[in-house]
């Protein structure tokens, strides 16, 4: 294969000037999302990020469970951050909206499913999943993970990976509702640990709980002997997130 053939296969000859210009200007749109997110979320600490299915109906027990957890967190002084959409996200925002602390929605523009709920004191809109995901992590004092689908699993895997690799500070990661999560946890233990793809101590990065008050208590217990705000070293880590 000569140099011309290699250039073709590498895509070097396929991009037009218009395409390259659009890609370059896209950087400014991404920068704007980060800047707005940093400016608006930096002042809401401490906060807890709550995740779960967008497809959960209002009359489902998971909805009420999420609403109760968010209300308790809000009344305990935690801002509550969700994806801003329907289902579990709406329940999280609703519970926080009725509580004492801010309800925050990090909305994402999608072809389907995502419509902003009406329970947001602070509402941000993102085009890009990756910039939105940084906002979920950067200011969170805890992650509360409700039953959900691929998006919820994505957020769970993201925070576990960041903590495991030292790219984010250690925070409480709480999976809520044992019957939903226990099969996955068993698979972690019986396949991932057994095969050596994760370490046995990695299983200590999260806990499984069922009751709203237990979730709140677990977060307070985690910070009992240390400040809830990031240390100077943790702030440096989060700066490089």
Protein backbone atom coordinates (compact mmCIF):
# COMPACT_ATOMS: atom_id res chain seq x y z
CA UNK A 1 0.00 0.00 0.00
CA UNK A 2 1.51 3.38 -1.02
CA UNK A 3 1.20 6.71 0.81
CA UNK A 4 -1.84 7.76 -1.21
CA UNK A 5 -3.72 4.61 -0.28
CA UNK A 6 -2.82 5.08 3.39
CA UNK A 7 -4.07 8.67 3.35
CA UNK A 8 -7.35 7.52 1.90
CA UNK A 9 -7.81 4.83 4.54
CA UNK A 10 -6.93 7.27 7.31
CA UNK A 11 -9.65 9.61 6.12
CA UNK A 12 -7.21 12.41 5.35
CA UNK A 13 -8.66 13.02 1.91
CA UNK A 14 -12.32 12.69 2.84
CA UNK A 15 -12.92 15.70 5.08
CA UNK A 16 -14.05 18.91 3.40
CA UNK A 17 -13.13 22.38 4.61
CA UNK A 18 -16.74 22.87 5.73
CA UNK A 19 -16.68 19.71 7.83
CA UNK A 20 -13.39 20.68 9.45
CA UNK A 21 -14.69 24.16 10.23
CA UNK A 22 -17.82 22.75 11.84
CA UNK A 23 -15.73 20.38 13.95
CA UNK A 24 -13.49 23.23 15.07
CA UNK A 25 -16.37 25.50 16.04
CA UNK A 26 -17.93 22.61 17.96
CA UNK A 27 -15.15 23.06 20.51
CA UNK A 28 -16.58 26.43 21.50
CA UNK A 29 -20.02 24.91 22.06
CA UNK A 30 -18.46 22.27 24.30
CA UNK A 31 -16.46 24.91 26.17
CA UNK A 32 -19.65 26.92 26.74
CA UNK A 33 -21.36 23.90 28.30
CA UNK A 34 -18.47 23.38 30.71
CA UNK A 35 -18.20 27.05 31.65
CA UNK A 36 -21.92 27.43 32.35
CA UNK A 37 -21.98 24.18 34.31
CA UNK A 38 -18.98 25.13 36.44
CA UNK A 39 -20.34 28.61 37.15
CA UNK A 40 -23.85 27.53 38.11
CA UNK A 41 -23.09 24.32 40.00
CA UNK A 42 -20.07 25.42 42.01
CA UNK A 43 -22.32 27.25 44.48
CA UNK A 44 -24.85 24.50 45.22
CA UNK A 45 -22.68 22.26 47.41
CA UNK A 46 -23.11 19.95 49.12
CA UNK A 47 -25.07 18.02 46.54
CA UNK A 48 -26.14 14.46 45.83
CA UNK A 49 -26.60 13.10 42.31
CA UNK A 50 -29.55 10.74 41.84
CA UNK A 51 -29.93 8.44 38.82
CA UNK A 52 -32.66 6.13 37.57
CA UNK A 53 -34.93 5.22 34.71
CA UNK A 54 -36.68 7.87 32.65
CA UNK A 55 -39.44 5.31 31.97
CA UNK A 56 -40.67 4.84 35.54
CA UNK A 57 -44.34 5.95 35.79
CA UNK A 58 -45.56 8.30 38.49
CA UNK A 59 -47.61 5.59 40.20
CA UNK A 60 -44.69 3.13 40.44
CA UNK A 61 -43.22 2.38 43.90
CA UNK A 62 -39.76 3.38 42.64
CA UNK A 63 -41.06 6.89 41.93
CA UNK A 64 -42.35 7.36 45.46
CA UNK A 65 -39.18 5.81 46.93
CA UNK A 66 -37.03 8.25 44.97
CA UNK A 67 -39.21 11.20 45.90
CA UNK A 68 -38.93 10.32 49.59
CA UNK A 69 -35.14 9.96 49.40
CA UNK A 70 -34.76 13.28 47.60
CA UNK A 71 -37.03 15.08 50.06
CA UNK A 72 -35.04 13.77 53.03
CA UNK A 73 -31.75 14.75 51.39
CA UNK A 74 -33.06 18.21 50.58
CA UNK A 75 -34.32 18.79 54.11
CA UNK A 76 -30.95 17.56 55.40
CA UNK A 77 -29.14 20.31 53.50
CA UNK A 78 -28.18 18.54 50.26
CA UNK A 79 -28.98 19.98 46.87
CA UNK A 80 -30.30 17.19 44.66
CA UNK A 81 -29.04 16.82 41.09
CA UNK A 82 -30.81 14.66 38.53
CA UNK A 83 -30.89 14.33 34.75
CA UNK A 84 -33.85 16.68 34.64
CA UNK A 85 -36.13 14.37 32.69
CA UNK A 86 -39.19 12.22 33.49
CA UNK A 87 -39.48 9.07 35.60
CA UNK A 88 -36.98 8.66 38.43
CA UNK A 89 -35.35 11.95 37.46
CA UNK A 90 -38.63 13.78 37.92
CA UNK A 91 -39.22 12.06 41.26
CA UNK A 92 -35.78 13.17 42.46
CA UNK A 93 -36.38 16.76 41.40
CA UNK A 94 -39.89 16.77 42.83
CA UNK A 95 -38.76 15.56 46.24
CA UNK A 96 -35.98 18.13 46.35
CA UNK A 97 -38.22 20.90 45.01
CA UNK A 98 -40.59 20.38 47.93
CA UNK A 99 -37.67 20.35 50.38
CA UNK A 100 -35.39 23.05 51.73
CA UNK A 101 -32.47 22.79 49.31
CA UNK A 102 -32.18 23.42 45.55
CA UNK A 103 -33.45 20.98 42.96
CA UNK A 104 -31.10 20.82 39.98
CA UNK A 105 -31.75 19.32 36.55
CA UNK A 106 -28.96 18.58 34.06
CA UNK A 107 -31.09 18.15 30.97
CA UNK A 108 -29.86 16.46 27.80
CA UNK A 109 -31.19 17.03 24.29
CA UNK A 110 -32.24 13.65 22.87
CA UNK A 111 -34.28 12.54 19.84
CA UNK A 112 -36.73 10.81 22.21
CA UNK A 113 -37.56 10.25 25.89
CA UNK A 114 -35.95 13.35 27.40
CA UNK A 115 -38.33 16.19 28.25
CA UNK A 116 -37.53 18.50 31.13
CA UNK A 117 -39.65 18.12 34.26
CA UNK A 118 -41.19 21.07 36.06
CA UNK A 119 -39.50 20.64 39.44
CA UNK A 120 -36.15 22.35 38.83
CA UNK A 121 -34.89 25.36 40.74
CA UNK A 122 -31.76 25.30 38.58
CA UNK A 123 -31.96 23.93 35.05
CA UNK A 124 -29.07 23.42 32.62
CA UNK A 125 -29.29 22.02 29.11
CA UNK A 126 -26.57 19.95 27.46
CA UNK A 127 -26.00 18.68 23.94
CA UNK A 128 -23.14 16.38 24.89
CA UNK A 129 -23.31 13.46 27.28
CA UNK A 130 -19.65 13.72 28.25
CA UNK A 131 -19.83 17.31 29.50
CA UNK A 132 -23.06 16.54 31.36
CA UNK A 133 -21.45 13.51 33.00
CA UNK A 134 -18.58 15.63 34.33
CA UNK A 135 -21.13 17.89 36.05
CA UNK A 136 -22.75 14.92 37.79
CA UNK A 137 -19.41 13.88 39.27
CA UNK A 138 -17.50 17.11 39.89
CA UNK A 139 -19.63 18.56 42.70
CA UNK A 140 -21.31 15.42 44.06
CA UNK A 141 -20.87 14.46 47.71
CA UNK A 142 -22.67 11.16 47.00
CA UNK A 143 -24.27 9.10 44.22
CA UNK A 144 -27.68 7.52 44.76
CA UNK A 145 -28.49 4.99 42.04
CA UNK A 146 -32.10 3.91 41.66
CA UNK A 147 -33.38 1.15 39.35
CA UNK A 148 -32.73 2.08 35.75
CA UNK A 149 -31.54 1.02 32.32
CA UNK A 150 -28.45 1.53 30.19
CA UNK A 151 -28.08 5.21 31.06
CA UNK A 152 -28.20 4.46 34.78
CA UNK A 153 -25.69 1.62 34.39
CA UNK A 154 -23.48 3.97 32.40
CA UNK A 155 -23.44 6.53 35.22
CA UNK A 156 -22.79 3.80 37.80
CA UNK A 157 -19.89 2.35 35.81
CA UNK A 158 -18.52 5.86 35.29
CA UNK A 159 -18.28 6.76 38.98
CA UNK A 160 -16.96 3.31 39.94
CA UNK A 161 -14.24 3.61 37.31
CA UNK A 162 -13.29 7.15 38.35
CA UNK A 163 -13.04 6.20 42.02
CA UNK A 164 -11.24 2.92 41.29
CA UNK A 165 -8.61 4.66 39.16
CA UNK A 166 -8.18 7.62 41.51
CA UNK A 167 -9.51 10.14 38.99
CA UNK A 168 -12.25 11.17 41.41
CA UNK A 169 -12.43 11.37 45.20
CA UNK A 170 -14.07 8.59 47.18
CA UNK A 171 -17.75 9.34 47.84
CA UNK A 172 -20.70 7.23 49.00
CA UNK A 173 -22.14 5.26 46.07
CA UNK A 174 -25.50 3.84 47.11
CA UNK A 175 -27.57 1.40 45.07
CA UNK A 176 -31.19 1.48 46.20
CA UNK A 177 -33.60 -1.49 46.23
CA UNK A 178 -31.90 -4.82 46.82
CA UNK A 179 -34.16 -7.02 44.64
CA UNK A 180 -33.31 -4.95 41.58
CA UNK A 181 -29.54 -4.82 42.06
CA UNK A 182 -28.60 -8.08 43.78
CA UNK A 183 -28.26 -10.05 40.53
CA UNK A 184 -25.76 -7.55 39.18
CA UNK A 185 -23.85 -7.49 42.46
CA UNK A 186 -23.70 -11.29 42.50
CA UNK A 187 -22.29 -11.17 38.95
CA UNK A 188 -19.67 -8.63 40.05
CA UNK A 189 -18.61 -10.97 42.84
CA UNK A 190 -18.90 -14.31 41.03
CA UNK A 191 -17.53 -13.23 37.64
CA UNK A 192 -15.53 -10.01 37.85
CA UNK A 193 -13.81 -10.74 41.17
CA UNK A 194 -13.37 -14.44 40.40
CA UNK A 195 -11.89 -13.69 36.98
CA UNK A 196 -9.61 -11.05 38.46
CA UNK A 197 -10.94 -8.19 36.34
CA UNK A 198 -11.65 -6.22 39.52
CA UNK A 199 -10.16 -6.57 42.99
CA UNK A 200 -12.15 -7.90 45.97
CA UNK A 201 -11.78 -4.51 47.70
CA UNK A 202 -13.49 -2.81 44.73
CA UNK A 203 -16.73 -4.27 46.06
CA UNK A 204 -16.36 -1.90 49.02
CA UNK A 205 -16.81 1.14 46.78
CA UNK A 206 -20.61 0.89 46.94
CA UNK A 207 -23.36 -0.27 49.26
CA UNK A 208 -26.85 -1.62 48.79
CA UNK A 209 -29.72 -0.06 50.78
CA UNK A 210 -33.50 -0.02 50.71
CA UNK A 211 -34.96 2.64 53.02
CA UNK A 212 -34.84 6.43 52.45
CA UNK A 213 -33.57 7.24 55.94
CA UNK A 214 -30.85 4.60 55.63
CA UNK A 215 -29.61 6.34 52.48
CA UNK A 216 -29.34 9.69 54.25
CA UNK A 217 -27.74 8.12 57.33
CA UNK A 218 -25.15 6.32 55.19
CA UNK A 219 -24.06 9.60 53.62
CA UNK A 220 -23.75 11.34 56.98
CA UNK A 221 -21.90 8.35 58.45
CA UNK A 222 -19.40 8.45 55.60
CA UNK A 223 -18.52 12.07 56.39
CA UNK A 224 -18.74 11.74 60.17
CA UNK A 225 -14.97 11.86 60.71
CA UNK A 226 -14.05 14.17 57.86
CA UNK A 227 -15.40 17.33 56.24
CA UNK A 228 -17.97 16.98 53.51
CA UNK A 229 -16.11 19.48 51.34
CA UNK A 230 -13.22 18.11 49.23
CA UNK A 231 -9.77 18.39 50.80
CA UNK A 232 -7.08 20.41 49.03
CA UNK A 233 -5.71 17.17 47.52
CA UNK A 234 -9.19 16.08 46.40
CA UNK A 235 -9.81 19.48 44.84
CA UNK A 236 -6.67 19.02 42.75
CA UNK A 237 -7.90 15.59 41.70
CA UNK A 238 -11.30 16.98 40.69
CA UNK A 239 -9.60 19.76 38.76
CA UNK A 240 -8.03 17.09 36.55
CA UNK A 241 -11.28 15.09 36.19
